[in-house]
Amino acid sequence: MKKVFALLLALVLSFAGCQTEQPEGTTPSSQITLNVYNWGQYIADGSDDSLDIIAAFEEKYPHINVNYSTFDSNEIMYSKLANGGITVDVIFPSDYMVARLIEEDMLLPLDYSNIPNYQYIDEAFRNTAFDPENKYSVPYTWGTVGIIYNSKYVAEEDVTGWELLWNEKYDDKILMFDNSRDAFGIAALLQGYDLNTTDEQELRDCAAALAQQKPLVQQYVMDQIYDLMENEEAWIAPYYAGDYTVMAEENEALEFFLPAEQGFNMFIDAMCIPACCQEKEAAELFINFLCDPEISAANMDWVEYSVPSTAAKEFLDEETVSDPVAYPSDEALENGTSYAYLLPEVTRFVESLFMEVRIS
């Protein structure tokens, strides 16, 4: 996609919307480093005529240098934080991981006086189950998990639901999530269980289903999915709707199917400040910057996930906001469920079961 709109908006923002701002008491020599930890390919970086979000932020706040690094899964991010293996100021966890981090006192409360652009976040994404008082998180994106498939090789009559990922006809052309939460969620939905089941026998049933699937799986993946699906080394994979739109630009044969009748994960990824943060005010400035409607629109025009801000959608083109993959109808979303916080002992049990599947 990457329309002329993106280039024009980038130019407008870089010349008109990013005037230098410097808080009182700072000088050009008092440089600080802001450590940002995000998912891979999850912020516009200047490629494909997009706005370089980090460069624009550093231009607006010249006393702040951004050190940007990425993770592949919520679990990897959590492990790094829990083990003290990383010091970061802003993180981008998913809904259920936000709840876990709150429960374990691993997040700092936000000072919304530094985040006035929070006013643009839609009510539908406030007072969530994972952060009911909006104390620790600001929504960044939202979306759904469905099935990406290559219409050149996958018969349309086979695209009926999650069972496609267990179809022996596509042996060695199927990819699967390389994280326990998403993998077990799909296995639960396949069997008609609650996406957030904590029943021990049902979780064992999920593990058995994943073990049955394993001989058909070419690879367990996260960001590796891009090359494998775009280059047609694999034909079927469960993944996030926003990433599908990126892949479909490179391979027009790719399609997205949302198993609406069986149910699916509808997620929110959020911006949070971990307890190990060293630069809290700068972190809040960064979160506020990303909530600016024009910045958010320019960012999501490249990321291609859904924005939790109607004000930002006004800066996106009609083709984008009318796309049923990015913005499904209310009817399509009826069976969408967010991941809930699981007690640590349940999480450890699920992770151990998934490990058994992987190494068996």
Protein backbone atom coordinates (compact mmCIF):
# COMPACT_ATOMS: atom_id res chain seq x y z
CA MET A 1 0.00 0.00 0.00
CA LYS A 2 2.18 2.89 1.25
CA LYS A 3 0.27 5.54 -0.59
CA VAL A 4 1.23 9.04 -1.67
CA PHE A 5 -0.76 10.09 1.40
CA ALA A 6 1.95 8.67 3.65
CA LEU A 7 4.69 10.67 1.96
CA LEU A 8 2.72 13.91 2.03
CA LEU A 9 1.82 13.45 5.69
CA ALA A 10 5.42 12.68 6.55
CA LEU A 11 6.56 15.88 4.88
CA VAL A 12 3.87 17.95 6.61
CA LEU A 13 4.76 16.50 9.99
CA SER A 14 8.49 16.91 9.61
CA PHE A 15 8.21 20.58 8.62
CA ALA A 16 5.12 21.74 10.47
CA GLY A 17 4.24 19.41 13.30
CA CYS A 18 7.54 18.61 14.98
CA GLN A 19 8.76 21.90 16.35
CA THR A 20 11.53 21.61 18.88
CA GLU A 21 10.31 21.43 22.46
CA GLN A 22 12.50 21.35 25.51
CA PRO A 23 11.19 21.14 29.07
CA GLU A 24 12.17 23.82 31.54
CA GLY A 25 15.44 23.20 33.31
CA THR A 26 17.06 21.27 30.46
CA THR A 27 19.94 22.43 28.31
CA PRO A 28 21.25 21.11 25.00
CA SER A 29 24.07 19.41 26.90
CA SER A 30 21.79 17.51 29.30
CA GLN A 31 21.18 14.61 26.94
CA ILE A 32 19.31 11.57 28.17
CA THR A 33 18.80 8.15 26.61
CA LEU A 34 15.31 6.69 26.40
CA ASN A 35 15.30 2.90 26.07
CA VAL A 36 12.27 1.67 24.10
CA TYR A 37 11.45 -2.06 23.85
CA ASN A 38 8.87 -2.98 21.22
CA TRP A 39 7.72 -5.76 18.93
CA GLY A 40 9.60 -6.19 15.64
CA GLN A 41 8.33 -4.15 12.68
CA TYR A 42 5.98 -2.25 14.97
CA ILE A 43 6.89 1.39 14.42
CA ALA A 44 7.30 3.41 11.22
CA ASP A 45 11.00 3.75 10.47
CA GLY A 46 11.14 5.93 7.35
CA SER A 47 11.06 3.06 4.87
CA ASP A 48 8.49 2.97 2.06
CA ASP A 49 8.07 6.76 2.25
CA SER A 50 6.82 6.52 5.84
CA LEU A 51 7.50 8.95 8.64
CA ASP A 52 10.50 7.97 10.76
CA ILE A 53 8.72 8.14 14.11
CA ILE A 54 11.81 7.98 16.30
CA ALA A 55 13.66 10.60 14.23
CA ALA A 56 10.61 12.88 14.43
CA PHE A 57 10.45 12.44 18.20
CA GLU A 58 14.17 13.18 18.60
CA GLU A 59 13.74 16.28 16.43
CA LYS A 60 10.91 17.49 18.65
CA TYR A 61 12.84 16.67 21.85
CA PRO A 62 16.51 17.13 20.95
CA HIS A 63 17.63 16.42 24.53
CA ILE A 64 16.36 12.82 24.21
CA ASN A 65 18.14 10.07 22.30
CA VAL A 66 16.06 6.93 21.69
CA ASN A 67 17.70 3.53 22.00
CA TYR A 68 15.28 1.16 20.28
CA SER A 69 15.27 -2.64 20.60
CA THR A 70 12.74 -5.36 19.82
CA PHE A 71 11.29 -8.63 21.13
CA ASP A 72 9.44 -11.50 19.42
CA SER A 73 6.86 -12.38 22.07
CA ASN A 74 5.29 -11.18 25.30
CA GLU A 75 6.95 -14.07 27.10
CA ILE A 76 10.44 -13.11 25.94
CA MET A 77 9.84 -9.51 27.00
CA TYR A 78 8.52 -10.64 30.39
CA SER A 79 11.45 -12.99 30.96
CA LYS A 80 13.96 -10.22 30.24
CA LEU A 81 12.24 -7.88 32.70
CA ALA A 82 11.65 -10.50 35.39
CA ASN A 83 15.24 -11.73 35.30
CA GLY A 84 16.71 -8.24 35.37
CA GLY A 85 18.35 -8.84 32.03
CA ILE A 86 17.34 -5.49 30.56
CA THR A 87 16.72 -1.89 31.62
CA VAL A 88 14.07 -0.16 29.54
CA ASP A 89 11.79 2.86 29.86
CA VAL A 90 8.86 2.08 27.53
CA ILE A 91 7.45 -1.35 26.67
CA PHE A 92 4.59 -2.53 24.43
CA PRO A 93 2.96 -5.60 26.03
CA SER A 94 -0.32 -7.19 25.00
CA ASP A 95 -3.43 -7.05 27.17
CA TYR A 96 -2.96 -10.23 29.21
CA MET A 97 0.71 -9.43 29.78
CA VAL A 98 -0.21 -5.93 31.00
CA ALA A 99 -2.43 -7.62 33.62
CA ARG A 100 0.39 -9.95 34.65
CA LEU A 101 2.88 -7.10 34.96
CA ILE A 102 0.41 -5.12 37.06
CA GLU A 103 -0.23 -8.11 39.32
CA GLU A 104 3.51 -8.58 39.87
CA ASP A 105 4.21 -4.87 40.54
CA MET A 106 6.37 -4.59 37.44
CA LEU A 107 4.79 -1.40 36.06
CA LEU A 108 4.83 2.22 37.21
CA PRO A 109 1.60 4.28 37.32
CA LEU A 110 1.37 6.87 34.56
CA ASP A 111 1.32 10.63 35.09
CA TYR A 112 -1.32 11.72 32.61
CA SER A 113 -0.34 15.37 32.95
CA ASN A 114 2.56 14.34 30.68
CA ILE A 115 0.21 12.45 28.33
CA PRO A 116 -2.50 14.97 27.34
CA ASN A 117 -3.01 13.20 24.01
CA TYR A 118 -4.65 10.37 25.92
CA GLN A 119 -7.82 12.40 25.33
CA TYR A 120 -7.88 10.98 21.79
CA ILE A 121 -8.09 7.32 22.86
CA ASP A 122 -11.63 6.05 22.19
CA GLU A 123 -13.82 5.08 25.13
CA ALA A 124 -14.05 1.52 23.77
CA PHE A 125 -10.37 1.05 24.62
CA ARG A 126 -10.48 2.57 28.10
CA ASN A 127 -11.31 0.91 31.43
CA THR A 128 -10.29 -2.45 30.03
CA ALA A 129 -10.41 -5.69 32.01
CA PHE A 130 -6.62 -5.77 32.15
CA ASP A 131 -6.29 -2.17 33.43
CA PRO A 132 -9.73 -1.08 34.64
CA GLU A 133 -8.57 2.25 36.09
CA ASN A 134 -6.34 3.17 33.12
CA LYS A 135 -3.55 3.49 35.65
CA TYR A 136 -0.70 1.69 33.91
CA SER A 137 -1.33 1.50 30.18
CA VAL A 138 -2.23 3.48 27.06
CA PRO A 139 -3.56 1.53 24.03
CA TYR A 140 -1.20 1.52 21.05
CA THR A 141 -2.95 -0.77 18.55
CA TRP A 142 -5.67 -3.39 18.44
CA GLY A 143 -6.54 -6.21 16.11
CA THR A 144 -7.56 -9.80 15.61
CA VAL A 145 -5.85 -13.17 15.16
CA GLY A 146 -6.93 -15.20 12.16
CA ILE A 147 -5.56 -17.50 9.48
CA ILE A 148 -3.37 -16.30 6.63
CA TYR A 149 -3.36 -18.64 3.64
CA ASN A 150 -2.09 -18.69 0.06
CA SER A 151 -5.04 -18.90 -2.31
CA LYS A 152 -2.83 -20.37 -5.06
CA TYR A 153 -2.27 -23.56 -3.10
CA VAL A 154 -5.03 -23.79 -0.49
CA ALA A 155 -8.47 -24.89 -1.67
CA GLU A 156 -11.21 -22.44 -0.71
CA GLU A 157 -13.44 -25.26 0.53
CA ASP A 158 -10.79 -26.16 3.11
CA VAL A 159 -10.85 -22.67 4.67
CA THR A 160 -13.60 -23.33 7.19
CA GLY A 161 -11.97 -22.60 10.56
CA TRP A 162 -9.07 -23.37 12.86
CA GLU A 163 -9.11 -27.00 11.68
CA LEU A 164 -7.29 -25.83 8.55
CA LEU A 165 -4.12 -25.77 10.69
CA TRP A 166 -4.57 -29.52 11.25
CA ASN A 167 -5.33 -30.43 7.62
CA GLU A 168 -2.97 -33.23 6.53
CA LYS A 169 -3.33 -32.17 2.91
CA TYR A 170 -0.98 -29.27 3.69
CA ASP A 171 1.69 -31.25 5.53
CA ASP A 172 4.92 -29.24 5.94
CA LYS A 173 3.30 -26.07 4.58
CA ILE A 174 1.74 -25.04 7.90
CA LEU A 175 3.31 -22.58 10.35
CA MET A 176 2.33 -22.26 14.01
CA PHE A 177 2.80 -19.62 16.71
CA ASP A 178 6.02 -19.96 18.67
CA ASN A 179 4.43 -18.83 21.92
CA SER A 180 2.34 -20.85 24.32
CA ARG A 181 -0.54 -18.40 24.80
CA ASP A 182 -1.49 -18.05 21.15
CA ALA A 183 -0.90 -21.72 20.37
CA PHE A 184 -3.03 -22.94 23.29
CA GLY A 185 -5.67 -20.32 22.54
CA ILE A 186 -6.14 -21.69 19.03
CA ALA A 187 -6.18 -25.28 20.28
CA ALA A 188 -8.81 -24.33 22.86
CA LEU A 189 -11.05 -22.67 20.27
CA LEU A 190 -10.67 -25.65 17.94
CA GLN A 191 -12.14 -27.88 20.65
CA GLY A 192 -14.87 -25.49 21.69
CA TYR A 193 -13.20 -24.49 24.95
CA ASP A 194 -12.99 -21.02 26.41
CA LEU A 195 -10.02 -19.08 25.05
CA ASN A 196 -8.97 -18.41 28.66
CA THR A 197 -9.59 -21.88 30.06
CA THR A 198 -7.67 -22.78 33.21
CA ASP A 199 -9.13 -26.28 33.52
CA GLU A 200 -6.24 -28.74 33.81
CA GLN A 201 -7.83 -31.44 31.67
CA GLU A 202 -8.84 -28.97 28.97
CA LEU A 203 -5.29 -27.61 28.88
CA ARG A 204 -3.98 -31.16 28.54
CA ASP A 205 -6.44 -31.67 25.69
CA CYS A 206 -5.01 -28.55 24.04
CA ALA A 207 -1.50 -29.95 24.41
CA ALA A 208 -2.65 -33.22 22.86
CA ALA A 209 -4.15 -31.34 19.90
CA LEU A 210 -0.92 -29.41 19.39
CA ALA A 211 1.07 -32.66 19.60
CA GLN A 212 -1.20 -34.11 16.93
CA GLN A 213 -0.57 -31.06 14.76
CA LYS A 214 3.19 -31.02 15.22
CA PRO A 215 4.11 -33.50 12.42
CA LEU A 216 2.34 -31.18 9.95
CA VAL A 217 4.11 -28.02 11.15
CA GLN A 218 7.00 -26.78 9.07
CA GLN A 219 8.17 -24.27 11.69
CA TYR A 220 7.04 -22.54 14.88
CA VAL A 221 7.44 -18.83 14.14
CA MET A 222 6.92 -15.25 15.12
CA ASP A 223 8.48 -12.57 12.89
CA GLN A 224 9.97 -15.30 10.65
CA ILE A 225 6.49 -15.66 9.18
CA TYR A 226 6.98 -12.73 6.82
CA ASP A 227 9.61 -14.27 4.56
CA LEU A 228 8.12 -17.75 4.72
CA MET A 229 4.64 -16.68 3.65
CA GLU A 230 5.67 -13.98 1.21
CA ASN A 231 8.12 -16.33 -0.56
CA GLU A 232 5.56 -19.17 -0.55
CA GLU A 233 7.78 -21.50 1.43
CA ALA A 234 4.73 -21.95 3.66
CA TRP A 235 1.04 -21.66 2.72
CA ILE A 236 -0.93 -21.49 5.97
CA ALA A 237 -0.29 -19.67 9.26
CA PRO A 238 -2.21 -18.15 12.15
CA TYR A 239 -1.17 -14.56 12.78
CA TYR A 240 -2.22 -11.00 13.48
CA ALA A 241 -4.42 -9.13 11.01
CA GLY A 242 -2.11 -6.12 10.87
CA ASP A 243 0.82 -8.26 9.79
CA TYR A 244 -1.30 -9.91 7.13
CA THR A 245 -1.81 -6.58 5.37
CA VAL A 246 1.96 -6.08 5.25
CA MET A 247 2.52 -9.56 3.81
CA ALA A 248 -0.29 -9.17 1.28
CA GLU A 249 1.48 -6.16 -0.21
CA GLU A 250 4.37 -8.45 -1.11
CA ASN A 251 2.24 -11.40 -2.25
CA GLU A 252 -1.24 -10.73 -3.60
CA ALA A 253 -2.17 -14.42 -3.35
CA LEU A 254 -2.30 -14.19 0.46
CA GLU A 255 -5.75 -14.04 2.04
CA PHE A 256 -6.99 -13.59 5.63
CA PHE A 257 -9.75 -15.63 7.24
CA LEU A 258 -11.31 -14.79 10.61
CA PRO A 259 -12.96 -17.88 12.19
CA ALA A 260 -15.80 -15.76 13.55
CA GLU A 261 -18.11 -18.67 14.41
CA GLN A 262 -15.51 -20.61 16.41
CA GLY A 263 -14.14 -17.49 18.07
CA PHE A 264 -10.82 -15.72 17.92
CA ASN A 265 -8.47 -13.55 19.94
CA MET A 266 -9.11 -9.81 19.77
CA PHE A 267 -6.15 -8.07 21.32
CA ILE A 268 -4.93 -4.68 22.47
CA ASP A 269 -1.24 -3.89 22.56
CA ALA A 270 -0.42 -1.11 25.00
CA MET A 271 2.32 1.30 25.98
CA CYS A 272 3.56 0.95 29.56
CA ILE A 273 6.43 2.05 31.77
CA PRO A 274 8.22 -0.81 33.56
CA ALA A 275 9.40 -0.55 37.16
CA CYS A 276 13.02 -0.56 35.98
CA CYS A 277 12.46 2.73 34.07
CA GLN A 278 15.21 5.33 34.51
CA GLU A 279 13.60 8.17 32.50
CA LYS A 280 9.91 8.26 33.38
CA GLU A 281 9.08 11.78 32.19
CA ALA A 282 10.78 11.17 28.85
CA ALA A 283 8.92 7.86 28.59
CA GLU A 284 5.62 9.68 29.08
CA LEU A 285 6.58 12.24 26.46
CA PHE A 286 7.23 9.38 24.04
CA ILE A 287 3.86 7.78 24.79
CA ASN A 288 2.15 11.14 24.37
CA PHE A 289 3.91 11.69 21.05
CA LEU A 290 2.63 8.35 19.73
CA CYS A 291 -0.92 9.31 20.77
CA ASP A 292 -0.93 12.47 18.66
CA PRO A 293 -3.58 11.76 15.98
CA GLU A 294 -1.40 12.78 13.03
CA ILE A 295 1.63 10.91 14.37
CA SER A 296 -0.54 7.86 15.15
CA ALA A 297 -2.00 7.91 11.64
CA ALA A 298 1.42 8.23 10.00
CA ASN A 299 2.72 5.43 12.22
CA MET A 300 -0.16 3.04 11.56
CA ASP A 301 -0.11 3.80 7.83
CA TRP A 302 3.19 1.88 7.87
CA VAL A 303 2.55 -0.61 10.70
CA GLU A 304 -0.95 -1.32 9.32
CA TYR A 305 -2.49 -2.33 12.63
CA SER A 306 -5.74 -0.76 13.78
CA VAL A 307 -5.70 2.53 15.68
CA PRO A 308 -7.67 2.92 18.95
CA SER A 309 -8.36 6.55 18.08
CA THR A 310 -11.14 7.86 15.84
CA ALA A 311 -9.25 11.16 15.65
CA ALA A 312 -6.28 9.31 14.08
CA LYS A 313 -8.54 7.47 11.62
CA GLU A 314 -9.52 10.86 10.22
CA PHE A 315 -5.96 11.19 8.86
CA LEU A 316 -6.05 7.76 7.17
CA ASP A 317 -7.53 7.17 3.74
CA GLU A 318 -10.95 5.66 3.20
CA GLU A 319 -9.51 2.44 1.74
CA THR A 320 -7.73 1.76 5.02
CA VAL A 321 -10.54 2.52 7.46
CA SER A 322 -13.09 0.57 5.36
CA ASP A 323 -10.88 -2.55 5.17
CA PRO A 324 -12.79 -5.38 6.93
CA VAL A 325 -9.52 -7.05 7.95
CA ALA A 326 -8.20 -3.98 9.75
CA TYR A 327 -11.58 -2.77 11.01
CA PRO A 328 -14.05 -5.69 11.11
CA SER A 329 -17.75 -5.02 11.54
CA ASP A 330 -19.33 -5.10 14.99
CA GLU A 331 -21.08 -8.32 13.96
CA ALA A 332 -17.77 -9.96 13.00
CA LEU A 333 -16.26 -8.95 16.34
CA GLU A 334 -19.03 -10.47 18.45
CA ASN A 335 -17.09 -13.70 19.11
CA GLY A 336 -13.76 -11.97 19.65
CA THR A 337 -12.24 -12.51 23.09
CA SER A 338 -9.26 -10.88 24.74
CA TYR A 339 -6.75 -12.92 26.67
CA ALA A 340 -7.27 -12.71 30.41
CA TYR A 341 -4.61 -12.72 33.10
CA LEU A 342 -3.73 -16.26 34.18
CA LEU A 343 -2.32 -17.04 37.60
CA PRO A 344 1.45 -17.72 37.54
CA GLU A 345 0.95 -21.41 38.30
CA VAL A 346 -1.42 -21.75 35.33
CA THR A 347 0.98 -19.89 33.06
CA ARG A 348 3.86 -22.12 34.14
CA PHE A 349 1.73 -25.20 33.52
CA VAL A 350 0.79 -24.04 30.01
CA GLU A 351 4.39 -23.16 29.19
CA SER A 352 5.62 -26.54 30.43
CA LEU A 353 3.00 -28.35 28.32
CA PHE A 354 4.01 -26.33 25.26
CA MET A 355 7.66 -27.12 25.88
CA GLU A 356 6.80 -30.82 25.99
CA VAL A 357 5.04 -30.50 22.64
CA ARG A 358 7.98 -28.67 21.11
CA ILE A 359 10.69 -31.11 22.27
CA SER A 360 8.75 -34.35 21.79
